[in-house]
Amino acid sequence: LYGTHTLTQAAHIHTSPRYTLARLPTYVQKTSHTRETITMQVVKRFTTHHEDVIHDLCYDFYGKRLATCSSDQQIKVWDQDEDGEWQLSAKWKAHAGSIWKVVWAHPEFGQVLASCSFDKTICIWHEQSDSLGKSRWVLVATLSDSRDSVTDIKFSPKHLGLKLAAPSADGYVRVYEAIDVMDLSHWQVLEEFEVSKGGTGKCMPCISWNPSQFDPPTLVVGTGDSIAKLWEFNESYRRWQQIDALVGHTGTIHDVCWAPNVGRTYHLIATGSKDGTVRIWKLNTRAGGKKSKVQEEACFDDHEAEVWRVEWNITGTVLASSGDDGVVRLWKANFKHKWTCLSVVSPETEYAPSASVSSSSSSSAASTQ
């Protein structure tokens, strides 16, 4: 496990079911004549006691709680104590198959988790207190509309309410909404739209919401056809429509992530693929809310292996990526808008210097406004 508040879910290298690592970024100030770098140091290492491969982990909103899920069909919740130690607070068998993803809802809606699995279901979990005041996680809803493995889940930004988007291997994305946020046992399918005709086969579709409250609800969906597609909810027609596509990868897209937009006049989207590349895409916003054609902002092949995860920091300025090379790479644009690698983090070493590391290519970074 790598990441902190600023790099929540920075990258996930879950090849071992036993150990989870936490690393804290230390920023080195940049001057006009030096390059900004980030060094990483081990903060905590602890055993998870999962009995199989860990597929996902997720911090809560405050970074004080952590949920992990595994092929052992279990979810575990960890709480950070006053000494900074991670303590196991709950564990339970959650599904009848491998659990691919687990995600926290915004704390405005309480302590709520959602999980998805190979068993074709999505489970909604709510932390409740019993008569003795002891907390326990309760299954409040099971969503079983998918006809194949549910491969990803994401709660919507809180300004859209308590909604959940989930792609599955049957080629469809389903958007759910809690009918009453005070009673999480009732969810309805708001929309169901096909993103990959004929299903995705062995590929695992991935999804990410546009976090901006100034845009219509928008999703980016990655599939096995090497193209990530942008879908927007059209208020006039009351349905989701594809508005653009991110074309450039030559392999299955394993992960997509829409960057938080803090003061920018455009959007950034990151994708990681089986083709070994990380790509950053730029989406301008025109007057009247119309969007220009997406352009590729940067492309990196430094991992030289399949890329499995990409994740932005809270301001959308630093991108973390991880792949089959077993390392995490951090990327940031310099004052010339050229994206470069700031740091390379390996579980086997305390710190890998980044002085000699740069992006292998940057297709149109110089044109960034």
Foldseek 3Di string as FASTA:
>chain_A
DEDAQQCWCQDDDFPDQFKDWYKDWDWDDDDPPDDTFIAIFTDDMGTPPDPATWQEKGAANHRQKMWTFFQSQKIWIWGQDPVRDTHTQDMDRHDPGGWRYKYFDHCVLPTWMWTFGQVQKIWIWHWDADPVRRTDIDTQEIGRPGPGGWHEKDFAQPVVPGKMWIDGQQQKIWIKHQPDSVRNNDIDTQAIDGRDPRGQPPWGKEKEWQNDPVAATKMWIFGFQQKIWIWGQDPVVRHIDTDAIDDDGDGGWQYKYKFHADPDQWTWMWIFGQSQKIWIKIWGADPPRDIDYIDTFFMANVLVGGKHDWDGTNNRAKIWTDGPSQWIWIWGADPQQAIFTNAIGHPVDRGDHCPPGTGPIGPHRNVDD
